[in-house]
N, C-alpha and C. Protein backbone atom coordinates (compact mmCIF):
# COMPACT_ATOMS: atom_id res chain seq x y z
N MET A 1 -42.79 26.11 3.91
CA MET A 1 -43.75 26.42 4.95
C MET A 1 -44.15 25.13 5.66
N LYS A 2 -44.48 25.27 6.93
CA LYS A 2 -44.80 24.12 7.75
C LYS A 2 -46.06 24.44 8.56
N ASN A 3 -46.91 23.43 8.71
CA ASN A 3 -48.12 23.57 9.52
C ASN A 3 -48.25 22.31 10.37
N GLU A 4 -48.59 22.48 11.65
CA GLU A 4 -48.67 21.34 12.56
C GLU A 4 -49.97 21.32 13.33
N MET A 5 -50.39 20.12 13.68
CA MET A 5 -51.58 19.91 14.49
C MET A 5 -51.28 18.77 15.46
N THR A 6 -51.70 18.90 16.70
CA THR A 6 -51.56 17.82 17.67
C THR A 6 -52.92 17.54 18.30
N LEU A 7 -53.28 16.27 18.32
CA LEU A 7 -54.53 15.81 18.95
C LEU A 7 -54.19 14.82 20.04
N THR A 8 -54.85 14.92 21.16
CA THR A 8 -54.74 13.92 22.22
C THR A 8 -56.16 13.56 22.62
N PHE A 9 -56.43 12.26 22.67
CA PHE A 9 -57.78 11.80 22.95
C PHE A 9 -57.74 10.47 23.70
N ASN A 10 -58.86 10.12 24.31
CA ASN A 10 -58.98 8.87 25.05
C ASN A 10 -58.86 7.68 24.10
N ALA A 11 -58.21 6.64 24.57
CA ALA A 11 -57.99 5.42 23.77
C ALA A 11 -59.23 4.53 23.85
N ILE A 12 -60.30 5.00 23.21
CA ILE A 12 -61.53 4.23 23.13
C ILE A 12 -61.96 4.14 21.67
N SER A 13 -62.62 3.05 21.33
CA SER A 13 -62.88 2.75 19.93
C SER A 13 -63.67 3.83 19.19
N VAL A 14 -64.56 4.52 19.87
CA VAL A 14 -65.35 5.55 19.21
C VAL A 14 -64.46 6.68 18.66
N ASN A 15 -63.28 6.89 19.22
CA ASN A 15 -62.39 7.96 18.77
C ASN A 15 -61.55 7.60 17.56
N GLU A 16 -61.55 6.34 17.15
CA GLU A 16 -60.79 5.94 15.96
C GLU A 16 -61.27 6.68 14.72
N ALA A 17 -62.58 6.75 14.51
CA ALA A 17 -63.13 7.46 13.35
C ALA A 17 -62.82 8.95 13.42
N PHE A 18 -62.93 9.53 14.61
CA PHE A 18 -62.59 10.93 14.80
C PHE A 18 -61.14 11.20 14.39
N ALA A 19 -60.23 10.34 14.84
CA ALA A 19 -58.81 10.53 14.56
C ALA A 19 -58.52 10.50 13.07
N ARG A 20 -59.01 9.47 12.38
CA ARG A 20 -58.71 9.36 10.94
C ARG A 20 -59.31 10.51 10.15
N ASN A 21 -60.52 10.95 10.54
CA ASN A 21 -61.14 12.06 9.82
C ASN A 21 -60.48 13.40 10.12
N ALA A 22 -60.03 13.59 11.35
CA ALA A 22 -59.33 14.84 11.70
C ALA A 22 -58.02 14.97 10.93
N VAL A 23 -57.25 13.89 10.88
CA VAL A 23 -55.98 13.92 10.14
C VAL A 23 -56.25 14.13 8.65
N ALA A 24 -57.24 13.45 8.10
CA ALA A 24 -57.57 13.61 6.68
C ALA A 24 -57.98 15.05 6.38
N ALA A 25 -58.80 15.64 7.24
CA ALA A 25 -59.23 17.02 7.03
C ALA A 25 -58.04 17.97 7.08
N PHE A 26 -57.11 17.73 7.99
CA PHE A 26 -55.93 18.59 8.10
C PHE A 26 -55.07 18.52 6.84
N CYS A 27 -55.06 17.36 6.18
CA CYS A 27 -54.23 17.15 4.98
C CYS A 27 -54.83 17.74 3.71
N VAL A 28 -56.08 18.16 3.75
CA VAL A 28 -56.77 18.63 2.55
C VAL A 28 -56.03 19.80 1.89
N ASP A 29 -55.35 20.60 2.67
CA ASP A 29 -54.64 21.75 2.10
C ASP A 29 -53.53 21.34 1.13
N LEU A 30 -53.07 20.09 1.20
CA LEU A 30 -52.06 19.61 0.25
C LEU A 30 -52.68 19.22 -1.09
N ASP A 31 -53.99 19.27 -1.19
CA ASP A 31 -54.73 18.93 -2.40
C ASP A 31 -54.51 17.47 -2.83
N PRO A 32 -54.71 16.53 -1.90
CA PRO A 32 -54.53 15.12 -2.23
C PRO A 32 -55.68 14.59 -3.08
N THR A 33 -55.43 13.48 -3.75
CA THR A 33 -56.49 12.78 -4.45
C THR A 33 -57.36 12.05 -3.41
N ILE A 34 -58.50 11.58 -3.84
CA ILE A 34 -59.36 10.79 -2.96
C ILE A 34 -58.62 9.53 -2.52
N ASP A 35 -57.88 8.90 -3.43
CA ASP A 35 -57.12 7.71 -3.08
C ASP A 35 -56.06 8.01 -2.02
N GLN A 36 -55.37 9.14 -2.14
CA GLN A 36 -54.35 9.51 -1.15
C GLN A 36 -54.99 9.77 0.22
N ILE A 37 -56.12 10.44 0.24
CA ILE A 37 -56.82 10.67 1.51
C ILE A 37 -57.25 9.34 2.12
N ASN A 38 -57.77 8.45 1.30
CA ASN A 38 -58.19 7.14 1.81
C ASN A 38 -57.00 6.34 2.34
N ASP A 39 -55.85 6.45 1.69
CA ASP A 39 -54.64 5.79 2.18
C ASP A 39 -54.27 6.31 3.57
N ILE A 40 -54.28 7.62 3.73
CA ILE A 40 -53.94 8.24 5.01
C ILE A 40 -54.94 7.82 6.08
N LYS A 41 -56.23 7.86 5.75
CA LYS A 41 -57.26 7.48 6.72
C LYS A 41 -57.11 6.02 7.16
N THR A 42 -56.80 5.15 6.20
CA THR A 42 -56.64 3.73 6.53
C THR A 42 -55.45 3.51 7.45
N ALA A 43 -54.33 4.15 7.13
CA ALA A 43 -53.12 3.99 7.95
C ALA A 43 -53.33 4.54 9.36
N VAL A 44 -53.95 5.70 9.48
CA VAL A 44 -54.22 6.29 10.79
C VAL A 44 -55.18 5.39 11.58
N SER A 45 -56.19 4.89 10.90
CA SER A 45 -57.14 4.00 11.55
C SER A 45 -56.46 2.76 12.12
N GLU A 46 -55.57 2.16 11.36
CA GLU A 46 -54.84 0.97 11.82
C GLU A 46 -53.97 1.30 13.03
N ALA A 47 -53.26 2.42 12.96
CA ALA A 47 -52.36 2.79 14.07
C ALA A 47 -53.14 3.09 15.34
N VAL A 48 -54.22 3.83 15.22
CA VAL A 48 -55.02 4.16 16.40
C VAL A 48 -55.68 2.91 16.98
N THR A 49 -56.16 2.04 16.11
CA THR A 49 -56.76 0.79 16.58
C THR A 49 -55.74 -0.04 17.33
N ASN A 50 -54.50 -0.09 16.84
CA ASN A 50 -53.43 -0.79 17.57
C ASN A 50 -53.26 -0.22 18.97
N CYS A 51 -53.29 1.09 19.10
CA CYS A 51 -53.16 1.71 20.43
C CYS A 51 -54.31 1.27 21.33
N ILE A 52 -55.51 1.32 20.81
CA ILE A 52 -56.69 1.01 21.62
C ILE A 52 -56.69 -0.46 22.04
N VAL A 53 -56.39 -1.35 21.10
CA VAL A 53 -56.49 -2.79 21.37
C VAL A 53 -55.29 -3.34 22.13
N HIS A 54 -54.09 -2.91 21.73
CA HIS A 54 -52.89 -3.54 22.27
C HIS A 54 -52.19 -2.75 23.38
N ALA A 55 -52.18 -1.42 23.28
CA ALA A 55 -51.41 -0.63 24.24
C ALA A 55 -52.05 -0.60 25.61
N TYR A 56 -53.37 -0.62 25.63
CA TYR A 56 -54.09 -0.45 26.88
C TYR A 56 -55.06 -1.62 27.10
N PRO A 57 -54.56 -2.77 27.48
CA PRO A 57 -55.44 -3.93 27.62
C PRO A 57 -56.46 -3.82 28.75
N ASN A 58 -56.22 -2.95 29.72
CA ASN A 58 -57.15 -2.82 30.85
C ASN A 58 -58.17 -1.71 30.67
N GLY A 59 -57.98 -0.86 29.65
CA GLY A 59 -58.96 0.16 29.34
C GLY A 59 -59.26 1.17 30.43
N ALA A 60 -58.24 1.79 31.01
CA ALA A 60 -58.43 2.80 32.05
C ALA A 60 -58.89 4.13 31.44
N ALA A 61 -59.56 4.94 32.25
CA ALA A 61 -60.10 6.21 31.78
C ALA A 61 -59.03 7.20 31.34
N ASP A 62 -57.80 7.07 31.86
CA ASP A 62 -56.75 8.02 31.52
C ASP A 62 -55.82 7.51 30.42
N ASP A 63 -56.20 6.46 29.69
CA ASP A 63 -55.40 5.97 28.56
C ASP A 63 -55.57 6.92 27.39
N LEU A 64 -54.44 7.42 26.87
CA LEU A 64 -54.49 8.45 25.83
C LEU A 64 -53.69 8.04 24.59
N VAL A 65 -54.14 8.55 23.46
CA VAL A 65 -53.43 8.44 22.19
C VAL A 65 -53.15 9.87 21.73
N THR A 66 -51.95 10.11 21.23
CA THR A 66 -51.59 11.43 20.71
C THR A 66 -51.19 11.29 19.25
N ILE A 67 -51.70 12.19 18.43
CA ILE A 67 -51.34 12.24 17.01
C ILE A 67 -50.78 13.63 16.72
N LYS A 68 -49.58 13.67 16.20
CA LYS A 68 -49.00 14.93 15.73
C LYS A 68 -48.89 14.81 14.21
N THR A 69 -49.52 15.73 13.52
CA THR A 69 -49.50 15.74 12.06
C THR A 69 -48.82 17.02 11.60
N THR A 70 -47.86 16.87 10.71
CA THR A 70 -47.13 18.01 10.18
C THR A 70 -47.22 18.00 8.66
N LEU A 71 -47.57 19.13 8.09
CA LEU A 71 -47.53 19.32 6.64
C LEU A 71 -46.30 20.14 6.34
N GLU A 72 -45.46 19.61 5.48
CA GLU A 72 -44.23 20.32 5.12
C GLU A 72 -43.97 20.08 3.64
N ASN A 73 -43.93 21.18 2.89
CA ASN A 73 -43.83 21.11 1.44
C ASN A 73 -44.98 20.26 0.92
N ASP A 74 -44.71 19.15 0.26
CA ASP A 74 -45.80 18.31 -0.26
C ASP A 74 -45.90 16.99 0.49
N THR A 75 -45.45 16.97 1.74
CA THR A 75 -45.42 15.73 2.52
C THR A 75 -46.18 15.89 3.83
N VAL A 76 -46.91 14.84 4.18
CA VAL A 76 -47.56 14.79 5.49
C VAL A 76 -46.77 13.81 6.36
N HIS A 77 -46.44 14.26 7.56
CA HIS A 77 -45.73 13.45 8.56
C HIS A 77 -46.72 13.20 9.69
N ILE A 78 -46.92 11.94 10.04
CA ILE A 78 -47.88 11.58 11.08
C ILE A 78 -47.16 10.76 12.15
N VAL A 79 -47.27 11.21 13.39
CA VAL A 79 -46.66 10.51 14.53
C VAL A 79 -47.79 10.17 15.49
N ILE A 80 -48.00 8.87 15.71
CA ILE A 80 -49.06 8.40 16.60
C ILE A 80 -48.39 7.69 17.77
N SER A 81 -48.70 8.14 18.99
CA SER A 81 -48.01 7.57 20.15
C SER A 81 -48.99 7.26 21.28
N ASP A 82 -48.54 6.33 22.11
CA ASP A 82 -49.27 5.97 23.31
C ASP A 82 -48.26 5.76 24.43
N THR A 83 -48.75 5.64 25.64
CA THR A 83 -47.88 5.36 26.78
C THR A 83 -48.32 4.05 27.44
N GLY A 84 -48.77 3.13 26.61
CA GLY A 84 -49.27 1.84 27.09
C GLY A 84 -48.17 0.84 27.37
N VAL A 85 -48.50 -0.43 27.20
CA VAL A 85 -47.60 -1.52 27.57
C VAL A 85 -46.41 -1.67 26.62
N GLY A 86 -46.50 -1.09 25.43
CA GLY A 86 -45.39 -1.18 24.48
C GLY A 86 -45.39 -2.50 23.73
N ILE A 87 -44.47 -2.60 22.80
CA ILE A 87 -44.30 -3.80 21.98
C ILE A 87 -43.00 -4.45 22.40
N GLU A 88 -43.08 -5.68 22.84
CA GLU A 88 -41.89 -6.37 23.32
C GLU A 88 -40.83 -6.52 22.23
N ASN A 89 -41.25 -6.98 21.05
CA ASN A 89 -40.31 -7.19 19.96
C ASN A 89 -40.87 -6.56 18.69
N ILE A 90 -40.40 -5.36 18.38
CA ILE A 90 -40.92 -4.61 17.24
C ILE A 90 -40.65 -5.35 15.94
N ASP A 91 -39.49 -5.97 15.78
CA ASP A 91 -39.20 -6.71 14.54
C ASP A 91 -40.24 -7.79 14.30
N ASN A 92 -40.61 -8.54 15.34
CA ASN A 92 -41.66 -9.56 15.19
C ASN A 92 -42.99 -8.92 14.84
N ALA A 93 -43.33 -7.83 15.52
CA ALA A 93 -44.62 -7.18 15.31
C ALA A 93 -44.77 -6.66 13.88
N LEU A 94 -43.67 -6.33 13.24
CA LEU A 94 -43.72 -5.81 11.87
C LEU A 94 -43.90 -6.91 10.82
N GLN A 95 -43.80 -8.15 11.22
CA GLN A 95 -43.97 -9.26 10.29
C GLN A 95 -45.46 -9.49 9.99
N PRO A 96 -45.79 -9.71 8.71
CA PRO A 96 -47.20 -9.98 8.36
C PRO A 96 -47.73 -11.19 9.14
N PHE A 97 -48.96 -11.08 9.57
CA PHE A 97 -49.71 -12.12 10.29
C PHE A 97 -49.27 -12.33 11.74
N TYR A 98 -48.30 -11.55 12.22
CA TYR A 98 -47.94 -11.65 13.63
C TYR A 98 -49.01 -10.95 14.46
N THR A 99 -49.48 -11.60 15.50
CA THR A 99 -50.42 -10.97 16.43
C THR A 99 -50.13 -11.42 17.84
N SER A 100 -50.26 -10.50 18.76
CA SER A 100 -50.09 -10.84 20.17
C SER A 100 -51.42 -11.25 20.80
N LYS A 101 -52.50 -11.20 20.01
CA LYS A 101 -53.84 -11.54 20.52
C LYS A 101 -54.55 -12.51 19.58
N PRO A 102 -53.98 -13.70 19.35
CA PRO A 102 -54.63 -14.65 18.43
C PRO A 102 -56.00 -15.12 18.91
N GLU A 103 -56.22 -15.09 20.22
CA GLU A 103 -57.52 -15.50 20.76
C GLU A 103 -58.64 -14.54 20.36
N GLN A 104 -58.28 -13.34 19.92
CA GLN A 104 -59.27 -12.36 19.48
C GLN A 104 -59.43 -12.35 17.96
N GLU A 105 -58.88 -13.34 17.31
CA GLU A 105 -58.96 -13.47 15.85
C GLU A 105 -58.43 -12.23 15.14
N ARG A 106 -57.34 -11.70 15.62
CA ARG A 106 -56.66 -10.57 14.97
C ARG A 106 -55.86 -11.11 13.80
N SER A 107 -55.82 -10.37 12.70
CA SER A 107 -55.13 -10.85 11.50
C SER A 107 -53.63 -10.62 11.56
N GLY A 108 -53.16 -9.67 12.37
CA GLY A 108 -51.74 -9.37 12.42
C GLY A 108 -51.24 -8.63 11.20
N MET A 109 -52.13 -7.89 10.55
CA MET A 109 -51.75 -7.18 9.32
C MET A 109 -51.73 -5.67 9.47
N GLY A 110 -51.90 -5.15 10.68
CA GLY A 110 -51.98 -3.70 10.88
C GLY A 110 -50.76 -2.94 10.37
N PHE A 111 -49.57 -3.36 10.77
CA PHE A 111 -48.37 -2.65 10.32
C PHE A 111 -48.14 -2.86 8.82
N THR A 112 -48.49 -4.02 8.30
CA THR A 112 -48.35 -4.28 6.87
C THR A 112 -49.28 -3.36 6.08
N VAL A 113 -50.50 -3.17 6.57
CA VAL A 113 -51.44 -2.26 5.93
C VAL A 113 -50.90 -0.84 5.96
N MET A 114 -50.42 -0.40 7.12
CA MET A 114 -49.86 0.96 7.23
C MET A 114 -48.73 1.15 6.23
N GLU A 115 -47.85 0.17 6.18
CA GLU A 115 -46.68 0.25 5.29
C GLU A 115 -47.10 0.30 3.83
N SER A 116 -48.15 -0.42 3.47
CA SER A 116 -48.57 -0.45 2.07
C SER A 116 -49.26 0.83 1.62
N PHE A 117 -49.87 1.57 2.56
CA PHE A 117 -50.58 2.78 2.20
C PHE A 117 -49.76 4.06 2.36
N MET A 118 -48.64 3.98 3.09
CA MET A 118 -47.83 5.17 3.32
C MET A 118 -46.48 5.00 2.63
N ASP A 119 -45.76 6.10 2.44
CA ASP A 119 -44.43 6.03 1.80
C ASP A 119 -43.39 5.49 2.77
N THR A 120 -43.49 5.87 4.03
CA THR A 120 -42.56 5.34 5.03
C THR A 120 -43.34 4.96 6.29
N LEU A 121 -42.79 3.99 7.00
CA LEU A 121 -43.34 3.57 8.29
C LEU A 121 -42.17 3.21 9.19
N ARG A 122 -42.19 3.75 10.40
CA ARG A 122 -41.19 3.39 11.40
C ARG A 122 -41.92 3.20 12.73
N VAL A 123 -41.53 2.18 13.47
CA VAL A 123 -42.14 1.90 14.76
C VAL A 123 -41.02 1.89 15.79
N GLU A 124 -41.23 2.62 16.88
CA GLU A 124 -40.21 2.75 17.92
C GLU A 124 -40.83 2.60 19.30
N HIS A 125 -39.99 2.33 20.27
CA HIS A 125 -40.41 2.35 21.67
C HIS A 125 -40.57 3.80 22.09
N ASN A 126 -41.62 4.09 22.84
CA ASN A 126 -41.85 5.41 23.40
C ASN A 126 -41.32 5.37 24.83
N GLU A 127 -40.28 6.10 25.11
CA GLU A 127 -39.68 6.06 26.44
C GLU A 127 -40.42 6.98 27.39
N PRO A 128 -40.75 6.58 28.58
CA PRO A 128 -40.35 5.33 29.21
C PRO A 128 -41.28 4.17 28.91
N ARG A 129 -42.48 4.44 28.36
CA ARG A 129 -43.44 3.37 28.09
C ARG A 129 -44.19 3.66 26.81
N GLY A 130 -44.60 2.60 26.13
CA GLY A 130 -45.49 2.76 24.99
C GLY A 130 -44.81 2.59 23.65
N THR A 131 -45.52 3.03 22.63
CA THR A 131 -45.07 2.85 21.25
C THR A 131 -45.30 4.13 20.47
N VAL A 132 -44.42 4.37 19.48
CA VAL A 132 -44.56 5.49 18.57
C VAL A 132 -44.54 4.94 17.15
N VAL A 133 -45.52 5.34 16.35
CA VAL A 133 -45.58 4.98 14.94
C VAL A 133 -45.38 6.26 14.15
N LEU A 134 -44.38 6.26 13.27
CA LEU A 134 -44.07 7.43 12.44
C LEU A 134 -44.32 7.06 10.98
N MET A 135 -45.14 7.86 10.30
CA MET A 135 -45.48 7.59 8.90
C MET A 135 -45.37 8.87 8.08
N THR A 136 -45.02 8.71 6.82
CA THR A 136 -45.03 9.86 5.91
C THR A 136 -45.71 9.46 4.61
N LYS A 137 -46.26 10.47 3.95
CA LYS A 137 -46.81 10.28 2.61
C LYS A 137 -46.62 11.59 1.86
N THR A 138 -46.05 11.48 0.68
CA THR A 138 -45.87 12.64 -0.19
C THR A 138 -47.08 12.74 -1.11
N ILE A 139 -47.61 13.94 -1.17
CA ILE A 139 -48.76 14.21 -2.03
C ILE A 139 -48.22 14.87 -3.30
N ARG A 140 -48.03 14.07 -4.31
CA ARG A 140 -47.46 14.57 -5.57
C ARG A 140 -48.32 15.67 -6.16
N GLY A 141 -47.68 16.75 -6.54
CA GLY A 141 -48.41 17.84 -7.16
C GLY A 141 -49.13 18.73 -6.16
N GLY A 142 -49.00 18.43 -4.87
CA GLY A 142 -49.66 19.24 -3.88
C GLY A 142 -49.17 20.67 -3.87
N ASP A 143 -47.86 20.84 -4.06
CA ASP A 143 -47.23 22.15 -4.19
C ASP A 143 -47.73 23.14 -3.15
N TRP A 144 -47.75 22.71 -1.92
CA TRP A 144 -48.33 23.46 -0.82
C TRP A 144 -47.67 24.82 -0.64
N ASN A 145 -46.36 24.92 -0.85
CA ASN A 145 -45.65 26.17 -0.63
C ASN A 145 -46.07 27.28 -1.58
N LYS A 146 -46.60 26.92 -2.74
CA LYS A 146 -46.98 27.94 -3.72
C LYS A 146 -48.39 28.47 -3.51
N LYS A 147 -49.15 27.84 -2.62
CA LYS A 147 -50.50 28.31 -2.34
C LYS A 147 -50.44 29.55 -1.46
N LYS A 148 -51.47 30.31 -1.49
CA LYS A 148 -51.53 31.51 -0.65
C LYS A 148 -51.91 31.12 0.77
N HIS A 149 -51.07 31.48 1.71
CA HIS A 149 -51.31 31.21 3.13
C HIS A 149 -51.00 32.46 3.94
N CYS A 150 -51.69 32.59 5.03
CA CYS A 150 -51.38 33.67 5.96
C CYS A 150 -50.11 33.32 6.69
N ASP A 151 -49.22 34.24 6.81
CA ASP A 151 -47.96 34.00 7.54
C ASP A 151 -48.07 34.43 8.97
């Protein structure tokens, strides 16, 4: 069985908390531990913050972030995308301590944090513009397919 949710919201800092909590609430049906929920919330928070800070440096009213979350079997798939300026060199950006905004005292650990809290992390260019972050986490023992759901 598969369940999907898509959220699109303005790329402003107040929406970061909304995004992480919405994704966490959607994942509750997999019966995750508190630690697993916190891992998901942290990774989503880092990805959304990257969109807000890096993708849209001019902060226009129509700057958007989209999150598609899919629950399938005992795994959550999260795709976070923007249509901002994109990442010039993804390989460099994935290196710990790399930051494109050192003047803002950024640590450059966002992707490293995401990778450490999720089972998989992939970062791609969003054509024609922007970035896509794809993450998965398996919730061991979630056994979502055996729960009673409306078809």
